[in-house]
Amino acid sequence: MARFFLLADRKWVYIRQLADTCLIGSLVLLPFAIFSGGPTFFFGSLMACILVMSVHIVIRLRSGGFSWRWPALWLVLLVIAVSLQLTVVFQVI
Protein backbone atom coordinates (compact mmCIF):
# COMPACT_ATOMS: atom_id res chain seq x y z
CA MET A 1 0.00 0.00 0.00
CA ALA A 2 2.91 2.34 0.64
CA ARG A 3 3.78 2.06 -3.06
CA PHE A 4 0.66 3.99 -3.97
CA PHE A 5 1.81 6.94 -1.90
CA LEU A 6 5.50 6.74 -2.75
CA LEU A 7 5.11 6.37 -6.50
CA ALA A 8 2.30 8.90 -6.99
CA ASP A 9 1.82 9.32 -10.73
CA ARG A 10 3.95 6.30 -11.74
CA LYS A 11 2.07 3.77 -9.63
CA TRP A 12 0.12 2.38 -12.60
CA VAL A 13 3.32 1.84 -14.55
CA TYR A 14 4.73 -0.09 -11.58
CA ILE A 15 1.55 -2.16 -11.20
CA ARG A 16 1.55 -2.99 -14.91
CA GLN A 17 5.17 -4.15 -14.73
CA LEU A 18 4.34 -6.39 -11.77
CA ALA A 19 1.30 -7.79 -13.56
CA ASP A 20 3.36 -8.57 -16.67
CA THR A 21 5.99 -10.26 -14.54
CA CYS A 22 3.43 -12.41 -12.73
CA LEU A 23 1.87 -13.43 -16.03
CA ILE A 24 5.25 -14.47 -17.41
CA GLY A 25 5.97 -16.41 -14.20
CA SER A 26 2.66 -18.23 -14.53
CA LEU A 27 3.46 -19.15 -18.12
CA VAL A 28 6.84 -20.54 -17.06
CA LEU A 29 5.07 -22.77 -14.50
CA LEU A 30 2.55 -24.06 -17.04
CA PRO A 31 4.65 -27.13 -18.05
CA PHE A 32 4.64 -28.29 -14.43
CA ALA A 33 0.87 -27.86 -14.23
CA ILE A 34 0.39 -29.83 -17.44
CA PHE A 35 2.87 -32.65 -16.89
CA SER A 36 2.77 -32.82 -13.05
CA GLY A 37 6.32 -34.08 -12.67
CA GLY A 38 7.91 -35.14 -9.43
CA PRO A 39 9.56 -33.01 -6.78
CA THR A 40 12.67 -32.45 -8.88
CA PHE A 41 10.60 -31.16 -11.79
CA PHE A 42 8.66 -28.91 -9.40
CA PHE A 43 11.84 -27.49 -7.89
CA GLY A 44 13.35 -26.92 -11.33
CA SER A 45 10.17 -25.25 -12.56
CA LEU A 46 10.05 -23.04 -9.49
CA MET A 47 13.68 -21.99 -9.85
CA ALA A 48 13.21 -21.28 -13.57
CA CYS A 49 10.13 -19.22 -12.76
CA ILE A 50 11.93 -17.18 -10.11
CA LEU A 51 14.92 -16.60 -12.40
CA VAL A 52 12.80 -15.50 -15.37
CA MET A 53 10.61 -13.26 -13.20
CA SER A 54 13.60 -11.68 -11.46
CA VAL A 55 15.40 -10.87 -14.69
CA HIS A 56 12.20 -9.55 -16.25
CA ILE A 57 11.25 -7.26 -13.36
CA VAL A 58 14.78 -5.85 -13.00
CA ILE A 59 15.04 -5.06 -16.71
CA ARG A 60 11.55 -3.57 -16.97
CA LEU A 61 11.74 -1.43 -13.83
CA ARG A 62 15.26 -0.20 -14.52
CA SER A 63 14.31 0.76 -18.08
CA GLY A 64 11.23 2.50 -16.67
CA GLY A 65 13.41 4.75 -14.53
CA PHE A 66 12.63 3.19 -11.19
CA SER A 67 15.22 2.98 -8.42
CA TRP A 68 17.04 -0.33 -7.85
CA ARG A 69 15.20 -0.56 -4.52
CA TRP A 70 11.85 -1.42 -6.15
CA PRO A 71 12.96 -4.63 -7.88
CA ALA A 72 15.10 -5.51 -4.84
CA LEU A 73 12.08 -5.17 -2.55
CA TRP A 74 10.01 -7.28 -4.95
CA LEU A 75 12.68 -9.99 -4.94
CA VAL A 76 12.86 -10.03 -1.13
CA LEU A 77 9.08 -10.36 -0.90
CA LEU A 78 9.11 -13.12 -3.53
CA VAL A 79 11.69 -15.08 -1.56
CA ILE A 80 9.59 -14.72 1.60
CA ALA A 81 6.45 -15.86 -0.23
CA VAL A 82 8.15 -18.89 -1.78
CA SER A 83 9.74 -19.82 1.55
CA LEU A 84 6.37 -19.65 3.30
CA GLN A 85 4.74 -21.71 0.57
CA LEU A 86 7.44 -24.38 0.75
CA THR A 87 7.21 -24.41 4.54
CA VAL A 88 3.48 -24.20 5.18
CA VAL A 89 1.93 -25.77 2.11
CA PHE A 90 4.48 -28.35 1.03
CA GLN A 91 6.33 -28.83 4.36
CA VAL A 92 9.66 -29.06 2.52
CA ILE A 93 11.65 -26.65 4.66
PDB file of N, CA and C in Angstrom:
ATOM      1  N   MET A   1       0.814  -1.188   0.000  1.00  0.00           N
ATOM      2  CA  MET A   1       0.000   0.000   0.000  1.00  0.00           C
ATOM      3  C   MET A   1       0.863   1.259   0.000  1.00  0.00           C
ATOM      4  N   ALA A   2       2.020   1.181   0.601  1.00  0.00           N
ATOM      5  CA  ALA A   2       2.912   2.337   0.636  1.00  0.00           C
ATOM      6  C   ALA A   2       3.348   2.736  -0.764  1.00  0.00           C
ATOM      7  N   ARG A   3       3.378   1.762  -1.684  1.00  0.00           N
ATOM      8  CA  ARG A   3       3.779   2.062  -3.056  1.00  0.00           C
ATOM      9  C   ARG A   3       2.862   3.087  -3.695  1.00  0.00           C
ATOM     10  N   PHE A   4       1.601   3.033  -3.378  1.00  0.00           N
ATOM     11  CA  PHE A   4       0.664   3.985  -3.971  1.00  0.00           C
ATOM     12  C   PHE A   4       0.993   5.413  -3.577  1.00  0.00           C
ATOM     13  N   PHE A   5       1.475   5.589  -2.357  1.00  0.00           N
ATOM     14  CA  PHE A   5       1.808   6.938  -1.900  1.00  0.00           C
ATOM     15  C   PHE A   5       3.201   7.351  -2.340  1.00  0.00           C
ATOM     16  N   LEU A   6       4.122   6.417  -2.388  1.00  0.00           N
ATOM     17  CA  LEU A   6       5.499   6.742  -2.747  1.00  0.00           C
ATOM     18  C   LEU A   6       5.691   6.959  -4.242  1.00  0.00           C
ATOM     19  N   LEU A   7       4.924   6.272  -5.054  1.00  0.00           N
ATOM     20  CA  LEU A   7       5.113   6.371  -6.497  1.00  0.00           C
ATOM     21  C   LEU A   7       4.246   7.445  -7.147  1.00  0.00           C
ATOM     22  N   ALA A   8       3.198   7.851  -6.503  1.00  0.00           N
ATOM     23  CA  ALA A   8       2.296   8.901  -6.989  1.00  0.00           C
ATOM     24  C   ALA A   8       1.833   8.640  -8.411  1.00  0.00           C
ATOM     25  N   ASP A   9       2.320   9.417  -9.364  1.00  0.00           N
ATOM     26  CA  ASP A   9       1.819   9.325 -10.734  1.00  0.00           C
ATOM     27  C   ASP A   9       2.338   8.114 -11.501  1.00  0.00           C
ATOM     28  N   ARG A  10       3.388   7.461 -11.030  1.00  0.00           N
ATOM     29  CA  ARG A  10       3.954   6.302 -11.740  1.00  0.00           C
ATOM     30  C   ARG A  10       3.475   4.972 -11.168  1.00  0.00           C
ATOM     31  N   LYS A  11       2.501   5.002 -10.276  1.00  0.00           N
ATOM     32  CA  LYS A  11       2.069   3.769  -9.632  1.00  0.00           C
ATOM     33  C   LYS A  11       1.452   2.789 -10.627  1.00  0.00           C
ATOM     34  N   TRP A  12       0.746   3.293 -11.645  1.00  0.00           N
ATOM     35  CA  TRP A  12       0.117   2.380 -12.603  1.00  0.00           C
ATOM     36  C   TRP A  12       1.148   1.735 -13.508  1.00  0.00           C
ATOM     37  N   VAL A  13       2.229   2.441 -13.777  1.00  0.00           N
ATOM     38  CA  VAL A  13       3.322   1.836 -14.553  1.00  0.00           C
ATOM     39  C   VAL A  13       3.941   0.701 -13.751  1.00  0.00           C
ATOM     40  N   TYR A  14       4.156   0.936 -12.463  1.00  0.00           N
ATOM     41  CA  TYR A  14       4.729  -0.088 -11.584  1.00  0.00           C
ATOM     42  C   TYR A  14       3.800  -1.308 -11.483  1.00  0.00           C
ATOM     43  N   ILE A  15       2.507  -1.060 -11.312  1.00  0.00           N
ATOM     44  CA  ILE A  15       1.546  -2.164 -11.199  1.00  0.00           C
ATOM     45  C   ILE A  15       1.505  -2.961 -12.494  1.00  0.00           C
ATOM     46  N   ARG A  16       1.564  -2.281 -13.628  1.00  0.00           N
ATOM     47  CA  ARG A  16       1.547  -2.994 -14.915  1.00  0.00           C
ATOM     48  C   ARG A  16       2.787  -3.865 -15.066  1.00  0.00           C
ATOM     49  N   GLN A  17       3.950  -3.363 -14.644  1.00  0.00           N
ATOM     50  CA  GLN A  17       5.173  -4.155 -14.734  1.00  0.00           C
ATOM     51  C   GLN A  17       5.076  -5.394 -13.846  1.00  0.00           C
ATOM     52  N   LEU A  18       4.518  -5.245 -12.660  1.00  0.00           N
ATOM     53  CA  LEU A  18       4.341  -6.395 -11.772  1.00  0.00           C
ATOM     54  C   LEU A  18       3.354  -7.398 -12.357  1.00  0.00           C
ATOM     55  N   ALA A  19       2.288  -6.901 -12.953  1.00  0.00           N
ATOM     56  CA  ALA A  19       1.297  -7.793 -13.556  1.00  0.00           C
ATOM     57  C   ALA A  19       1.908  -8.566 -14.723  1.00  0.00           C
ATOM     58  N   ASP A  20       2.683  -7.887 -15.558  1.00  0.00           N
ATOM     59  CA  ASP A  20       3.356  -8.566 -16.672  1.00  0.00           C
ATOM     60  C   ASP A  20       4.314  -9.640 -16.160  1.00  0.00           C
ATOM     61  N   THR A  21       5.032  -9.310 -15.104  1.00  0.00           N
ATOM     62  CA  THR A  21       5.989 -10.256 -14.540  1.00  0.00           C
ATOM     63  C   THR A  21       5.280 -11.481 -13.973  1.00  0.00           C
ATOM     64  N   CYS A  22       4.180 -11.278 -13.280  1.00  0.00           N
ATOM     65  CA  CYS A  22       3.426 -12.413 -12.726  1.00  0.00           C
ATOM     66  C   CYS A  22       2.838 -13.284 -13.833  1.00  0.00           C
ATOM     67  N   LEU A  23       2.387 -12.664 -14.906  1.00  0.00           N
ATOM     68  CA  LEU A  23       1.867 -13.427 -16.032  1.00  0.00           C
ATOM     69  C   LEU A  23       2.959 -14.284 -16.652  1.00  0.00           C
ATOM     70  N   ILE A  24       4.128 -13.716 -16.845  1.00  0.00           N
ATOM     71  CA  ILE A  24       5.247 -14.467 -17.405  1.00  0.00           C
ATOM     72  C   ILE A  24       5.639 -15.610 -16.474  1.00  0.00           C
ATOM     73  N   GLY A  25       5.666 -15.353 -15.161  1.00  0.00           N
ATOM     74  CA  GLY A  25       5.974 -16.412 -14.204  1.00  0.00           C
ATOM     75  C   GLY A  25       4.963 -17.540 -14.254  1.00  0.00           C
ATOM     76  N   SER A  26       3.705 -17.195 -14.413  1.00  0.00           N
ATOM     77  CA  SER A  26       2.665 -18.227 -14.530  1.00  0.00           C
ATOM     78  C   SER A  26       2.853 -19.061 -15.788  1.00  0.00           C
ATOM     79  N   LEU A  27       3.226 -18.419 -16.873  1.00  0.00           N
ATOM     80  CA  LEU A  27       3.461 -19.151 -18.123  1.00  0.00           C
ATOM     81  C   LEU A  27       4.659 -20.086 -18.012  1.00  0.00           C
ATOM     82  N   VAL A  28       5.675 -19.671 -17.262  1.00  0.00           N
ATOM     83  CA  VAL A  28       6.839 -20.538 -17.063  1.00  0.00           C
ATOM     84  C   VAL A  28       6.452 -21.769 -16.250  1.00  0.00           C
ATOM     85  N   LEU A  29       5.506 -21.636 -15.319  1.00  0.00           N
ATOM     86  CA  LEU A  29       5.066 -22.766 -14.495  1.00  0.00           C
ATOM     87  C   LEU A  29       4.048 -23.673 -15.184  1.00  0.00           C
ATOM     88  N   LEU A  30       3.550 -23.267 -16.329  1.00  0.00           N
ATOM     89  CA  LEU A  30       2.554 -24.062 -17.037  1.00  0.00           C
ATOM     90  C   LEU A  30       3.006 -25.487 -17.356  1.00  0.00           C
ATOM     91  N   PRO A  31       4.251 -25.729 -17.796  1.00  0.00           N
ATOM     92  CA  PRO A  31       4.649 -27.127 -18.052  1.00  0.00           C
ATOM     93  C   PRO A  31       4.513 -28.022 -16.823  1.00  0.00           C
ATOM     94  N   PHE A  32       4.801 -27.483 -15.636  1.00  0.00           N
ATOM     95  CA  PHE A  32       4.642 -28.287 -14.429  1.00  0.00           C
ATOM     96  C   PHE A  32       3.172 -28.609 -14.200  1.00  0.00           C
ATOM     97  N   ALA A  33       2.300 -27.632 -14.422  1.00  0.00           N
ATOM     98  CA  ALA A  33       0.866 -27.861 -14.226  1.00  0.00           C
ATOM     99  C   ALA A  33       0.326 -28.889 -15.211  1.00  0.00           C
ATOM    100  N   ILE A  34       0.874 -28.894 -16.412  1.00  0.00           N
ATOM    101  CA  ILE A  34       0.395 -29.826 -17.440  1.00  0.00           C
ATOM    102  C   ILE A  34       0.940 -31.233 -17.220  1.00  0.00           C
ATOM    103  N   PHE A  35       2.236 -31.334 -16.968  1.00  0.00           N
ATOM    104  CA  PHE A  35       2.869 -32.646 -16.886  1.00  0.00           C
ATOM    105  C   PHE A  35       2.935 -33.210 -15.473  1.00  0.00           C
ATOM    106  N   SER A  36       2.762 -32.391 -14.455  1.00  0.00           N
ATOM    107  CA  SER A  36       2.770 -32.822 -13.054  1.00  0.00           C
ATOM    108  C   SER A  36       3.921 -33.774 -12.750  1.00  0.00           C
ATOM    109  N   GLY A  37       5.130 -33.276 -12.952  1.00  0.00           N
ATOM    110  CA  GLY A  37       6.319 -34.078 -12.670  1.00  0.00           C
ATOM    111  C   GLY A  37       6.534 -34.247 -11.181  1.00  0.00           C
ATOM    112  N   GLY A  38       7.588 -34.892 -10.832  1.00  0.00           N
ATOM    113  CA  GLY A  38       7.915 -35.140  -9.433  1.00  0.00           C
ATOM    114  C   GLY A  38       8.490 -33.916  -8.753  1.00  0.00           C
ATOM    115  N   PRO A  39       9.016 -34.118  -7.556  1.00  0.00           N
ATOM    116  CA  PRO A  39       9.558 -33.009  -6.783  1.00  0.00           C
ATOM    117  C   PRO A  39      10.727 -32.301  -7.473  1.00  0.00           C
ATOM    118  N   THR A  40      11.546 -33.058  -8.185  1.00  0.00           N
ATOM    119  CA  THR A  40      12.673 -32.448  -8.879  1.00  0.00           C
ATOM    120  C   THR A  40      12.179 -31.531  -9.989  1.00  0.00           C
ATOM    121  N   PHE A  41      11.176 -31.977 -10.721  1.00  0.00           N
ATOM    122  CA  PHE A  41      10.597 -31.162 -11.789  1.00  0.00           C
ATOM    123  C   PHE A  41       9.938 -29.916 -11.214  1.00  0.00           C
ATOM    124  N   PHE A  42       9.276 -30.063 -10.060  1.00  0.00           N
ATOM    125  CA  PHE A  42       8.657 -28.911  -9.400  1.00  0.00           C
ATOM    126  C   PHE A  42       9.715 -27.904  -8.982  1.00  0.00           C
ATOM    127  N   PHE A  43      10.776 -28.384  -8.342  1.00  0.00           N
ATOM    128  CA  PHE A  43      11.838 -27.489  -7.885  1.00  0.00           C
ATOM    129  C   PHE A  43      12.489 -26.791  -9.070  1.00  0.00           C
ATOM    130  N   GLY A  44      12.758 -27.520 -10.141  1.00  0.00           N
ATOM    131  CA  GLY A  44      13.351 -26.924 -11.332  1.00  0.00           C
ATOM    132  C   GLY A  44      12.436 -25.889 -11.959  1.00  0.00           C
ATOM    133  N   SER A  45      11.140 -26.193 -12.015  1.00  0.00           N
ATOM    134  CA  SER A  45      10.167 -25.247 -12.563  1.00  0.00           C
ATOM    135  C   SER A  45      10.087 -23.991 -11.703  1.00  0.00           C
ATOM    136  N   LEU A  46      10.104 -24.172 -10.401  1.00  0.00           N
ATOM    137  CA  LEU A  46      10.049 -23.038  -9.488  1.00  0.00           C
ATOM    138  C   LEU A  46      11.284 -22.157  -9.614  1.00  0.00           C
ATOM    139  N   MET A  47      12.454 -22.767  -9.694  1.00  0.00           N
ATOM    140  CA  MET A  47      13.682 -21.994  -9.850  1.00  0.00           C
ATOM    141  C   MET A  47      13.720 -21.269 -11.204  1.00  0.00           C
ATOM    142  N   ALA A  48      13.271 -21.928 -12.256  1.00  0.00           N
ATOM    143  CA  ALA A  48      13.210 -21.285 -13.571  1.00  0.00           C
ATOM    144  C   ALA A  48      12.247 -20.102 -13.542  1.00  0.00           C
ATOM    145  N   CYS A  49      11.119 -20.284 -12.878  1.00  0.00           N
ATOM    146  CA  CYS A  49      10.128 -19.221 -12.763  1.00  0.00           C
ATOM    147  C   CYS A  49      10.702 -18.014 -12.021  1.00  0.00           C
ATOM    148  N   ILE A  50      11.355 -18.261 -10.900  1.00  0.00           N
ATOM    149  CA  ILE A  50      11.933 -17.176 -10.114  1.00  0.00           C
ATOM    150  C   ILE A  50      13.024 -16.466 -10.905  1.00  0.00           C
ATOM    151  N   LEU A  51      13.857 -17.205 -11.599  1.00  0.00           N
ATOM    152  CA  LEU A  51      14.919 -16.600 -12.396  1.00  0.00           C
ATOM    153  C   LEU A  51      14.347 -15.726 -13.513  1.00  0.00           C
ATOM    154  N   VAL A  52      13.398 -16.257 -14.258  1.00  0.00           N
ATOM    155  CA  VAL A  52      12.802 -15.496 -15.366  1.00  0.00           C
ATOM    156  C   VAL A  52      12.085 -14.249 -14.842  1.00  0.00           C
ATOM    157  N   MET A  53      11.329 -14.405 -13.763  1.00  0.00           N
ATOM    158  CA  MET A  53      10.609 -13.261 -13.205  1.00  0.00           C
ATOM    159  C   MET A  53      11.569 -12.199 -12.665  1.00  0.00           C
ATOM    160  N   SER A  54      12.638 -12.628 -12.011  1.00  0.00           N
ATOM    161  CA  SER A  54      13.599 -11.679 -11.457  1.00  0.00           C
ATOM    162  C   SER A  54      14.287 -10.880 -12.552  1.00  0.00           C
ATOM    163  N   VAL A  55      14.736 -11.564 -13.582  1.00  0.00           N
ATOM    164  CA  VAL A  55      15.400 -10.870 -14.686  1.00  0.00           C
ATOM    165  C   VAL A  55      14.422  -9.910 -15.362  1.00  0.00           C
ATOM    166  N   HIS A  56      13.210 -10.373 -15.582  1.00  0.00           N
ATOM    167  CA  HIS A  56      12.201  -9.546 -16.245  1.00  0.00           C
ATOM    168  C   HIS A  56      11.888  -8.287 -15.446  1.00  0.00           C
ATOM    169  N   ILE A  57      11.649  -8.422 -14.152  1.00  0.00           N
ATOM    170  CA  ILE A  57      11.255  -7.259 -13.355  1.00  0.00           C
ATOM    171  C   ILE A  57      12.407  -6.263 -13.219  1.00  0.00           C
ATOM    172  N   VAL A  58      13.635  -6.761 -13.099  1.00  0.00           N
ATOM    173  CA  VAL A  58      14.778  -5.850 -12.999  1.00  0.00           C
ATOM    174  C   VAL A  58      14.939  -5.064 -14.291  1.00  0.00           C
ATOM    175  N   ILE A  59      14.873  -5.747 -15.422  1.00  0.00           N
ATOM    176  CA  ILE A  59      15.039  -5.063 -16.711  1.00  0.00           C
ATOM    177  C   ILE A  59      13.915  -4.057 -16.932  1.00  0.00           C
ATOM    178  N   ARG A  60      12.679  -4.454 -16.691  1.00  0.00           N
ATOM    179  CA  ARG A  60      11.545  -3.568 -16.965  1.00  0.00           C
ATOM    180  C   ARG A  60      11.512  -2.362 -16.034  1.00  0.00           C
ATOM    181  N   LEU A  61      11.795  -2.570 -14.746  1.00  0.00           N
ATOM    182  CA  LEU A  61      11.742  -1.429 -13.827  1.00  0.00           C
ATOM    183  C   LEU A  61      12.935  -0.500 -14.015  1.00  0.00           C
ATOM    184  N   ARG A  62      14.088  -1.055 -14.291  1.00  0.00           N
ATOM    185  CA  ARG A  62      15.257  -0.196 -14.522  1.00  0.00           C
ATOM    186  C   ARG A  62      15.081   0.624 -15.802  1.00  0.00           C
ATOM    187  N   SER A  63      14.540   0.009 -16.842  1.00  0.00           N
ATOM    188  CA  SER A  63      14.314   0.760 -18.077  1.00  0.00           C
ATOM    189  C   SER A  63      13.185   1.780 -17.912  1.00  0.00           C
ATOM    190  N   GLY A  64      12.315   1.556 -16.952  1.00  0.00           N
ATOM    191  CA  GLY A  64      11.232   2.498 -16.669  1.00  0.00           C
ATOM    192  C   GLY A  64      11.651   3.649 -15.769  1.00  0.00           C
ATOM    193  N   GLY A  65      12.904   3.656 -15.346  1.00  0.00           N
ATOM    194  CA  GLY A  65      13.409   4.752 -14.529  1.00  0.00           C
ATOM    195  C   GLY A  65      13.176   4.603 -13.039  1.00  0.00           C
ATOM    196  N   PHE A  66      12.835   3.412 -12.611  1.00  0.00           N
ATOM    197  CA  PHE A  66      12.633   3.186 -11.186  1.00  0.00           C
ATOM    198  C   PHE A  66      13.971   2.932 -10.491  1.00  0.00           C
ATOM    199  N   SER A  67      14.028   3.229  -9.227  1.00  0.00           N
ATOM    200  CA  SER A  67      15.221   2.978  -8.417  1.00  0.00           C
ATOM    201  C   SER A  67      15.462   1.478  -8.285  1.00  0.00           C
ATOM    202  N   TRP A  68      16.691   1.092  -8.020  1.00  0.00           N
ATOM    203  CA  TRP A  68      17.037  -0.326  -7.846  1.00  0.00           C
ATOM    204  C   TRP A  68      16.320  -0.910  -6.638  1.00  0.00           C
ATOM    205  N   ARG A  69      15.852  -0.069  -5.734  1.00  0.00           N
ATOM    206  CA  ARG A  69      15.199  -0.559  -4.522  1.00  0.00           C
ATOM    207  C   ARG A  69      13.870  -1.259  -4.810  1.00  0.00           C
ATOM    208  N   TRP A  70      13.154  -0.829  -5.849  1.00  0.00           N
ATOM    209  CA  TRP A  70      11.852  -1.424  -6.145  1.00  0.00           C
ATOM    210  C   TRP A  70      11.974  -2.873  -6.586  1.00  0.00           C
ATOM    211  N   PRO A  71      12.830  -3.206  -7.551  1.00  0.00           N
ATOM    212  CA  PRO A  71      12.960  -4.634  -7.878  1.00  0.00           C
ATOM    213  C   PRO A  71      13.598  -5.438  -6.749  1.00  0.00           C
ATOM    214  N   ALA A  72      14.484  -4.804  -5.965  1.00  0.00           N
ATOM    215  CA  ALA A  72      15.104  -5.514  -4.839  1.00  0.00           C
ATOM    216  C   ALA A  72      14.048  -5.854  -3.787  1.00  0.00           C
ATOM    217  N   LEU A  73      13.160  -4.916  -3.504  1.00  0.00           N
ATOM    218  CA  LEU A  73      12.077  -5.171  -2.554  1.00  0.00           C
ATOM    219  C   LEU A  73      11.167  -6.278  -3.066  1.00  0.00           C
ATOM    220  N   TRP A  74      10.855  -6.242  -4.350  1.00  0.00           N
ATOM    221  CA  TRP A  74      10.013  -7.278  -4.947  1.00  0.00           C
ATOM    222  C   TRP A  74      10.667  -8.649  -4.805  1.00  0.00           C
ATOM    223  N   LEU A  75      11.970  -8.710  -5.039  1.00  0.00           N
ATOM    224  CA  LEU A  75      12.676  -9.987  -4.939  1.00  0.00           C
ATOM    225  C   LEU A  75      12.689 -10.498  -3.501  1.00  0.00           C
ATOM    226  N   VAL A  76      12.889  -9.628  -2.537  1.00  0.00           N
ATOM    227  CA  VAL A  76      12.861 -10.026  -1.127  1.00  0.00           C
ATOM    228  C   VAL A  76      11.483 -10.577  -0.766  1.00  0.00           C
ATOM    229  N   LEU A  77      10.431  -9.892  -1.193  1.00  0.00           N
ATOM    230  CA  LEU A  77       9.077 -10.363  -0.895  1.00  0.00           C
ATOM    231  C   LEU A  77       8.770 -11.670  -1.609  1.00  0.00           C
ATOM    232  N   LEU A  78       9.298 -11.856  -2.810  1.00  0.00           N
ATOM    233  CA  LEU A  78       9.113 -13.118  -3.529  1.00  0.00           C
ATOM    234  C   LEU A  78       9.784 -14.273  -2.794  1.00  0.00           C
ATOM    235  N   VAL A  79      10.980 -14.045  -2.301  1.00  0.00           N
ATOM    236  CA  VAL A  79      11.694 -15.084  -1.555  1.00  0.00           C
ATOM    237  C   VAL A  79      10.923 -15.446  -0.285  1.00  0.00           C
ATOM    238  N   ILE A  80      10.386 -14.452   0.394  1.00  0.00           N
ATOM    239  CA  ILE A  80       9.593 -14.721   1.599  1.00  0.00           C
ATOM    240  C   ILE A  80       8.345 -15.533   1.244  1.00  0.00           C
ATOM    241  N   ALA A  81       7.665 -15.144   0.167  1.00  0.00           N
ATOM    242  CA  ALA A  81       6.448 -15.856  -0.232  1.00  0.00           C
ATOM    243  C   ALA A  81       6.732 -17.302  -0.620  1.00  0.00           C
ATOM    244  N   VAL A  82       7.802 -17.523  -1.375  1.00  0.00           N
ATOM    245  CA  VAL A  82       8.151 -18.891  -1.783  1.00  0.00           C
ATOM    246  C   VAL A  82       8.574 -19.709  -0.571  1.00  0.00           C
ATOM    247  N   SER A  83       9.322 -19.113   0.341  1.00  0.00           N
ATOM    248  CA  SER A  83       9.735 -19.821   1.554  1.00  0.00           C
ATOM    249  C   SER A  83       8.528 -20.227   2.395  1.00  0.00           C
ATOM    250  N   LEU A  84       7.584 -19.318   2.534  1.00  0.00           N
ATOM    251  CA  LEU A  84       6.371 -19.652   3.297  1.00  0.00           C
ATOM    252  C   LEU A  84       5.568 -20.751   2.608  1.00  0.00           C
ATOM    253  N   GLN A  85       5.486 -20.675   1.286  1.00  0.00           N
ATOM    254  CA  GLN A  85       4.740 -21.714   0.573  1.00  0.00           C
ATOM    255  C   GLN A  85       5.405 -23.066   0.722  1.00  0.00           C
ATOM    256  N   LEU A  86       6.723 -23.109   0.598  1.00  0.00           N
ATOM    257  CA  LEU A  86       7.436 -24.377   0.751  1.00  0.00           C
ATOM    258  C   LEU A  86       7.355 -24.905   2.170  1.00  0.00           C
ATOM    259  N   THR A  87       7.268 -24.011   3.140  1.00  0.00           N
ATOM    260  CA  THR A  87       7.209 -24.413   4.536  1.00  0.00           C
ATOM    261  C   THR A  87       5.793 -24.829   4.939  1.00  0.00           C
ATOM    262  N   VAL A  88       4.834 -23.980   4.693  1.00  0.00           N
ATOM    263  CA  VAL A  88       3.477 -24.195   5.180  1.00  0.00           C
ATOM    264  C   VAL A  88       2.697 -25.162   4.301  1.00  0.00           C
ATOM    265  N   VAL A  89       2.751 -24.965   3.000  1.00  0.00           N
ATOM    266  CA  VAL A  89       1.930 -25.772   2.107  1.00  0.00           C
ATOM    267  C   VAL A  89       2.560 -27.132   1.833  1.00  0.00           C
ATOM    268  N   PHE A  90       3.837 -27.115   1.439  1.00  0.00           N
ATOM    269  CA  PHE A  90       4.482 -28.353   1.029  1.00  0.00           C
ATOM    270  C   PHE A  90       5.316 -29.011   2.126  1.00  0.00           C
ATOM    271  N   GLN A  91       5.540 -28.332   3.236  1.00  0.00           N
ATOM    272  CA  GLN A  91       6.332 -28.831   4.358  1.00  0.00           C
ATOM    273  C   GLN A  91       7.681 -29.384   3.913  1.00  0.00           C
ATOM    274  N   VAL A  92       8.352 -28.653   3.018  1.00  0.00           N
ATOM    275  CA  VAL A  92       9.662 -29.058   2.517  1.00  0.00           C
ATOM    276  C   VAL A  92      10.767 -28.516   3.416  1.00  0.00           C
ATOM    277  N   ILE A  93      10.605 -27.282   3.849  1.00  0.00           N
ATOM    278  CA  ILE A  93      11.654 -26.651   4.656  1.00  0.00           C
ATOM    279  C   ILE A  93      11.328 -26.828   6.129  1.00  0.00           C
TER     280      ILE A  93
END
